[in-house]
Amino acid sequence: MERVRNIDEYMEIITKLRKAKYQVEVAESLKEYCTDLIQEIKYRFNIATSEIVKLASEIMLNDSKKQR
């Protein structure tokens, strides 16, 4: 009887370990996804900033031409 109980406890531990391993894999996948998403946001932010600077320069150039 004690042996059966030990096997049941062992199987329960194995099941919990498998679930924990799956959760770690999911977390790692989400971490990778979030890292990629952050990189994409930074990239798009840099492009937008560059466009804003370009437009601001064009506006200032046009204003200076009008004042002449």
PDB file of N, CA and C in Angstrom:
ATOM      1  N   MET A   1       0.821  -1.196   0.000  1.00  0.00           N
ATOM      2  CA  MET A   1       0.000   0.000   0.000  1.00  0.00           C
ATOM      3  C   MET A   1       0.865   1.259   0.000  1.00  0.00           C
ATOM      4  N   GLU A   2       1.918   1.213   0.796  1.00  0.00           N
ATOM      5  CA  GLU A   2       2.844   2.355   0.856  1.00  0.00           C
ATOM      6  C   GLU A   2       3.493   2.598  -0.500  1.00  0.00           C
ATOM      7  N   ARG A   3       3.793   1.514  -1.195  1.00  0.00           N
ATOM      8  CA  ARG A   3       4.429   1.630  -2.510  1.00  0.00           C
ATOM      9  C   ARG A   3       3.486   2.293  -3.520  1.00  0.00           C
ATOM     10  N   VAL A   4       2.213   1.935  -3.478  1.00  0.00           N
ATOM     11  CA  VAL A   4       1.222   2.532  -4.375  1.00  0.00           C
ATOM     12  C   VAL A   4       1.106   4.023  -4.082  1.00  0.00           C
ATOM     13  N   ARG A   5       1.106   4.354  -2.823  1.00  0.00           N
ATOM     14  CA  ARG A   5       1.020   5.765  -2.429  1.00  0.00           C
ATOM     15  C   ARG A   5       2.228   6.532  -2.954  1.00  0.00           C
ATOM     16  N   ASN A   6       3.407   5.935  -2.847  1.00  0.00           N
ATOM     17  CA  ASN A   6       4.616   6.581  -3.345  1.00  0.00           C
ATOM     18  C   ASN A   6       4.560   6.761  -4.861  1.00  0.00           C
ATOM     19  N   ILE A   7       4.026   5.767  -5.568  1.00  0.00           N
ATOM     20  CA  ILE A   7       3.898   5.866  -7.025  1.00  0.00           C
ATOM     21  C   ILE A   7       2.917   6.977  -7.379  1.00  0.00           C
ATOM     22  N   ASP A   8       1.805   7.046  -6.649  1.00  0.00           N
ATOM     23  CA  ASP A   8       0.825   8.111  -6.894  1.00  0.00           C
ATOM     24  C   ASP A   8       1.441   9.495  -6.655  1.00  0.00           C
ATOM     25  N   GLU A   9       2.190   9.620  -5.564  1.00  0.00           N
ATOM     26  CA  GLU A   9       2.853  10.894  -5.269  1.00  0.00           C
ATOM     27  C   GLU A   9       3.880  11.219  -6.353  1.00  0.00           C
ATOM     28  N   TYR A  10       4.605  10.211  -6.788  1.00  0.00           N
ATOM     29  CA  TYR A  10       5.604  10.386  -7.838  1.00  0.00           C
ATOM     30  C   TYR A  10       4.929  10.863  -9.124  1.00  0.00           C
ATOM     31  N   MET A  11       3.828  10.232  -9.495  1.00  0.00           N
ATOM     32  CA  MET A  11       3.113  10.610 -10.716  1.00  0.00           C
ATOM     33  C   MET A  11       2.554  12.034 -10.601  1.00  0.00           C
ATOM     34  N   GLU A  12       2.092  12.387  -9.416  1.00  0.00           N
ATOM     35  CA  GLU A  12       1.579  13.737  -9.195  1.00  0.00           C
ATOM     36  C   GLU A  12       2.698  14.771  -9.352  1.00  0.00           C
ATOM     37  N   ILE A  13       3.857  14.453  -8.817  1.00  0.00           N
ATOM     38  CA  ILE A  13       5.012  15.349  -8.953  1.00  0.00           C
ATOM     39  C   ILE A  13       5.417  15.478 -10.416  1.00  0.00           C
ATOM     40  N   ILE A  14       5.441  14.357 -11.135  1.00  0.00           N
ATOM     41  CA  ILE A  14       5.792  14.375 -12.561  1.00  0.00           C
ATOM     42  C   ILE A  14       4.802  15.252 -13.331  1.00  0.00           C
ATOM     43  N   THR A  15       3.523  15.115 -13.032  1.00  0.00           N
ATOM     44  CA  THR A  15       2.495  15.923 -13.702  1.00  0.00           C
ATOM     45  C   THR A  15       2.707  17.404 -13.416  1.00  0.00           C
ATOM     46  N   LYS A  16       2.978  17.742 -12.170  1.00  0.00           N
ATOM     47  CA  LYS A  16       3.219  19.141 -11.809  1.00  0.00           C
ATOM     48  C   LYS A  16       4.465  19.678 -12.503  1.00  0.00           C
ATOM     49  N   LEU A  17       5.498  18.862 -12.589  1.00  0.00           N
ATOM     50  CA  LEU A  17       6.725  19.287 -13.268  1.00  0.00           C
ATOM     51  C   LEU A  17       6.482  19.525 -14.754  1.00  0.00           C
ATOM     52  N   ARG A  18       5.690  18.667 -15.370  1.00  0.00           N
ATOM     53  CA  ARG A  18       5.365  18.850 -16.792  1.00  0.00           C
ATOM     54  C   ARG A  18       4.582  20.144 -17.011  1.00  0.00           C
ATOM     55  N   LYS A  19       3.621  20.401 -16.120  1.00  0.00           N
ATOM     56  CA  LYS A  19       2.849  21.642 -16.224  1.00  0.00           C
ATOM     57  C   LYS A  19       3.753  22.856 -16.028  1.00  0.00           C
ATOM     58  N   ALA A  20       4.657  22.765 -15.070  1.00  0.00           N
ATOM     59  CA  ALA A  20       5.580  23.874 -14.814  1.00  0.00           C
ATOM     60  C   ALA A  20       6.499  24.094 -16.012  1.00  0.00           C
ATOM     61  N   LYS A  21       6.972  23.011 -16.606  1.00  0.00           N
ATOM     62  CA  LYS A  21       7.833  23.122 -17.788  1.00  0.00           C
ATOM     63  C   LYS A  21       7.076  23.802 -18.923  1.00  0.00           C
ATOM     64  N   TYR A  22       5.824  23.430 -19.116  1.00  0.00           N
ATOM     65  CA  TYR A  22       5.001  24.047 -20.156  1.00  0.00           C
ATOM     66  C   TYR A  22       4.837  25.545 -19.885  1.00  0.00           C
ATOM     67  N   GLN A  23       4.582  25.905 -18.635  1.00  0.00           N
ATOM     68  CA  GLN A  23       4.414  27.316 -18.279  1.00  0.00           C
ATOM     69  C   GLN A  23       5.698  28.106 -18.539  1.00  0.00           C
ATOM     70  N   VAL A  24       6.842  27.501 -18.265  1.00  0.00           N
ATOM     71  CA  VAL A  24       8.125  28.154 -18.542  1.00  0.00           C
ATOM     72  C   VAL A  24       8.287  28.362 -20.043  1.00  0.00           C
ATOM     73  N   GLU A  25       7.934  27.354 -20.829  1.00  0.00           N
ATOM     74  CA  GLU A  25       8.028  27.476 -22.287  1.00  0.00           C
ATOM     75  C   GLU A  25       7.111  28.582 -22.803  1.00  0.00           C
ATOM     76  N   VAL A  26       5.908  28.662 -22.268  1.00  0.00           N
ATOM     77  CA  VAL A  26       4.975  29.724 -22.666  1.00  0.00           C
ATOM     78  C   VAL A  26       5.551  31.089 -22.289  1.00  0.00           C
ATOM     79  N   ALA A  27       6.088  31.192 -21.087  1.00  0.00           N
ATOM     80  CA  ALA A  27       6.663  32.461 -20.630  1.00  0.00           C
ATOM     81  C   ALA A  27       7.844  32.874 -21.506  1.00  0.00           C
ATOM     82  N   GLU A  28       8.689  31.918 -21.872  1.00  0.00           N
ATOM     83  CA  GLU A  28       9.828  32.227 -22.739  1.00  0.00           C
ATOM     84  C   GLU A  28       9.354  32.696 -24.110  1.00  0.00           C
ATOM     85  N   SER A  29       8.322  32.059 -24.617  1.00  0.00           N
ATOM     86  CA  SER A  29       7.765  32.449 -25.910  1.00  0.00           C
ATOM     87  C   SER A  29       7.189  33.865 -25.845  1.00  0.00           C
ATOM     88  N   LEU A  30       6.456  34.161 -24.783  1.00  0.00           N
ATOM     89  CA  LEU A  30       5.896  35.504 -24.609  1.00  0.00           C
ATOM     90  C   LEU A  30       6.998  36.547 -24.451  1.00  0.00           C
ATOM     91  N   LYS A  31       8.050  36.178 -23.744  1.00  0.00           N
ATOM     92  CA  LYS A  31       9.180  37.095 -23.570  1.00  0.00           C
ATOM     93  C   LYS A  31       9.794  37.419 -24.925  1.00  0.00           C
ATOM     94  N   GLU A  32       9.996  36.405 -25.746  1.00  0.00           N
ATOM     95  CA  GLU A  32      10.562  36.613 -27.083  1.00  0.00           C
ATOM     96  C   GLU A  32       9.634  37.490 -27.929  1.00  0.00           C
ATOM     97  N   TYR A  33       8.341  37.214 -27.874  1.00  0.00           N
ATOM     98  CA  TYR A  33       7.361  38.009 -28.618  1.00  0.00           C
ATOM     99  C   TYR A  33       7.409  39.471 -28.167  1.00  0.00           C
ATOM    100  N   CYS A  34       7.422  39.692 -26.863  1.00  0.00           N
ATOM    101  CA  CYS A  34       7.450  41.060 -26.334  1.00  0.00           C
ATOM    102  C   CYS A  34       8.744  41.777 -26.710  1.00  0.00           C
ATOM    103  N   THR A  35       9.862  41.067 -26.664  1.00  0.00           N
ATOM    104  CA  THR A  35      11.141  41.657 -27.061  1.00  0.00           C
ATOM    105  C   THR A  35      11.096  42.081 -28.519  1.00  0.00           C
ATOM    106  N   ASP A  36      10.571  41.212 -29.379  1.00  0.00           N
ATOM    107  CA  ASP A  36      10.437  41.551 -30.803  1.00  0.00           C
ATOM    108  C   ASP A  36       9.503  42.744 -30.996  1.00  0.00           C
ATOM    109  N   LEU A  37       8.420  42.769 -30.245  1.00  0.00           N
ATOM    110  CA  LEU A  37       7.457  43.862 -30.343  1.00  0.00           C
ATOM    111  C   LEU A  37       8.091  45.184 -29.911  1.00  0.00           C
ATOM    112  N   ILE A  38       8.854  45.158 -28.843  1.00  0.00           N
ATOM    113  CA  ILE A  38       9.544  46.365 -28.373  1.00  0.00           C
ATOM    114  C   ILE A  38      10.518  46.865 -29.433  1.00  0.00           C
ATOM    115  N   GLN A  39      11.243  45.945 -30.066  1.00  0.00           N
ATOM    116  CA  GLN A  39      12.175  46.342 -31.127  1.00  0.00           C
ATOM    117  C   GLN A  39      11.427  46.982 -32.295  1.00  0.00           C
ATOM    118  N   GLU A  40      10.287  46.417 -32.649  1.00  0.00           N
ATOM    119  CA  GLU A  40       9.478  46.975 -33.738  1.00  0.00           C
ATOM    120  C   GLU A  40       8.976  48.377 -33.377  1.00  0.00           C
ATOM    121  N   ILE A  41       8.547  48.553 -32.133  1.00  0.00           N
ATOM    122  CA  ILE A  41       8.077  49.868 -31.680  1.00  0.00           C
ATOM    123  C   ILE A  41       9.217  50.882 -31.729  1.00  0.00           C
ATOM    124  N   LYS A  42      10.396  50.483 -31.252  1.00  0.00           N
ATOM    125  CA  LYS A  42      11.553  51.388 -31.297  1.00  0.00           C
ATOM    126  C   LYS A  42      11.884  51.771 -32.733  1.00  0.00           C
ATOM    127  N   TYR A  43      11.848  50.802 -33.630  1.00  0.00           N
ATOM    128  CA  TYR A  43      12.139  51.044 -35.041  1.00  0.00           C
ATOM    129  C   TYR A  43      11.148  52.047 -35.629  1.00  0.00           C
ATOM    130  N   ARG A  44       9.872  51.812 -35.391  1.00  0.00           N
ATOM    131  CA  ARG A  44       8.838  52.708 -35.928  1.00  0.00           C
ATOM    132  C   ARG A  44       8.917  54.100 -35.286  1.00  0.00           C
ATOM    133  N   PHE A  45       9.247  54.150 -34.014  1.00  0.00           N
ATOM    134  CA  PHE A  45       9.408  55.434 -33.331  1.00  0.00           C
ATOM    135  C   PHE A  45      10.557  56.220 -33.952  1.00  0.00           C
ATOM    136  N   ASN A  46      11.661  55.538 -34.234  1.00  0.00           N
ATOM    137  CA  ASN A  46      12.807  56.198 -34.861  1.00  0.00           C
ATOM    138  C   ASN A  46      12.451  56.729 -36.246  1.00  0.00           C
ATOM    139  N   ILE A  47      11.702  55.951 -37.007  1.00  0.00           N
ATOM    140  CA  ILE A  47      11.267  56.408 -38.334  1.00  0.00           C
ATOM    141  C   ILE A  47      10.371  57.638 -38.198  1.00  0.00           C
ATOM    142  N   ALA A  48       9.414  57.580 -37.281  1.00  0.00           N
ATOM    143  CA  ALA A  48       8.500  58.711 -37.075  1.00  0.00           C
ATOM    144  C   ALA A  48       9.269  59.953 -36.633  1.00  0.00           C
ATOM    145  N   THR A  49      10.215  59.785 -35.727  1.00  0.00           N
ATOM    146  CA  THR A  49      11.025  60.912 -35.262  1.00  0.00           C
ATOM    147  C   THR A  49      11.813  61.515 -36.413  1.00  0.00           C
ATOM    148  N   SER A  50      12.376  60.664 -37.232  1.00  0.00           N
ATOM    149  CA  SER A  50      13.133  61.125 -38.399  1.00  0.00           C
ATOM    150  C   SER A  50      12.243  61.918 -39.353  1.00  0.00           C
ATOM    151  N   GLU A  51      11.036  61.426 -39.578  1.00  0.00           N
ATOM    152  CA  GLU A  51      10.091  62.126 -40.456  1.00  0.00           C
ATOM    153  C   GLU A  51       9.694  63.481 -39.872  1.00  0.00           C
ATOM    154  N   ILE A  52       9.486  63.530 -38.575  1.00  0.00           N
ATOM    155  CA  ILE A  52       9.126  64.794 -37.918  1.00  0.00           C
ATOM    156  C   ILE A  52      10.258  65.807 -38.066  1.00  0.00           C
ATOM    157  N   VAL A  53      11.479  65.365 -37.841  1.00  0.00           N
ATOM    158  CA  VAL A  53      12.634  66.257 -37.986  1.00  0.00           C
ATOM    159  C   VAL A  53      12.737  66.750 -39.423  1.00  0.00           C
ATOM    160  N   LYS A  54      12.535  65.849 -40.372  1.00  0.00           N
ATOM    161  CA  LYS A  54      12.595  66.214 -41.794  1.00  0.00           C
ATOM    162  C   LYS A  54      11.523  67.252 -42.131  1.00  0.00           C
ATOM    163  N   LEU A  55      10.297  67.004 -41.694  1.00  0.00           N
ATOM    164  CA  LEU A  55       9.204  67.951 -41.955  1.00  0.00           C
ATOM    165  C   LEU A  55       9.448  69.297 -41.279  1.00  0.00           C
ATOM    166  N   ALA A  56       9.941  69.270 -40.062  1.00  0.00           N
ATOM    167  CA  ALA A  56      10.228  70.519 -39.349  1.00  0.00           C
ATOM    168  C   ALA A  56      11.299  71.312 -40.089  1.00  0.00           C
ATOM    169  N   SER A  57      12.307  70.634 -40.595  1.00  0.00           N
ATOM    170  CA  SER A  57      13.360  71.310 -41.363  1.00  0.00           C
ATOM    171  C   SER A  57      12.795  71.930 -42.628  1.00  0.00           C
ATOM    172  N   GLU A  58      11.919  71.200 -43.309  1.00  0.00           N
ATOM    173  CA  GLU A  58      11.298  71.725 -44.529  1.00  0.00           C
ATOM    174  C   GLU A  58      10.438  72.950 -44.226  1.00  0.00           C
ATOM    175  N   ILE A  59       9.688  72.907 -43.147  1.00  0.00           N
ATOM    176  CA  ILE A  59       8.846  74.044 -42.756  1.00  0.00           C
ATOM    177  C   ILE A  59       9.708  75.262 -42.444  1.00  0.00           C
ATOM    178  N   MET A  60      10.771  75.034 -41.687  1.00  0.00           N
ATOM    179  CA  MET A  60      11.658  76.150 -41.341  1.00  0.00           C
ATOM    180  C   MET A  60      12.314  76.721 -42.592  1.00  0.00           C
ATOM    181  N   LEU A  61      12.706  75.873 -43.523  1.00  0.00           N
ATOM    182  CA  LEU A  61      13.316  76.325 -44.769  1.00  0.00           C
ATOM    183  C   LEU A  61      12.318  77.140 -45.583  1.00  0.00           C
ATOM    184  N   ASN A  62      11.089  76.647 -45.686  1.00  0.00           N
ATOM    185  CA  ASN A  62      10.042  77.377 -46.417  1.00  0.00           C
ATOM    186  C   ASN A  62       9.735  78.717 -45.765  1.00  0.00           C
ATOM    187  N   ASP A  63       9.695  78.742 -44.438  1.00  0.00           N
ATOM    188  CA  ASP A  63       9.444  79.999 -43.726  1.00  0.00           C
ATOM    189  C   ASP A  63      10.557  81.007 -43.983  1.00  0.00           C
ATOM    190  N   SER A  64      11.792  80.522 -43.977  1.00  0.00           N
ATOM    191  CA  SER A  64      12.914  81.444 -44.204  1.00  0.00           C
ATOM    192  C   SER A  64      12.909  81.964 -45.636  1.00  0.00           C
ATOM    193  N   LYS A  65      12.460  81.144 -46.592  1.00  0.00           N
ATOM    194  CA  LYS A  65      12.362  81.590 -47.986  1.00  0.00           C
ATOM    195  C   LYS A  65      11.265  82.642 -48.135  1.00  0.00           C
ATOM    196  N   LYS A  66      10.169  82.485 -47.419  1.00  0.00           N
ATOM    197  CA  LYS A  66       9.052  83.434 -47.494  1.00  0.00           C
ATOM    198  C   LYS A  66       9.432  84.785 -46.894  1.00  0.00           C
ATOM    199  N   GLN A  67      10.286  84.768 -45.903  1.00  0.00           N
ATOM    200  CA  GLN A  67      10.673  86.008 -45.229  1.00  0.00           C
ATOM    201  C   GLN A  67      11.638  86.830 -46.070  1.00  0.00           C
ATOM    202  N   ARG A  68      12.229  86.265 -47.084  1.00  0.00           N
ATOM    203  CA  ARG A  68      13.196  86.982 -47.919  1.00  0.00           C
ATOM    204  C   ARG A  68      12.534  87.890 -48.861  1.00  0.00           C
TER     205      ARG A  68
END
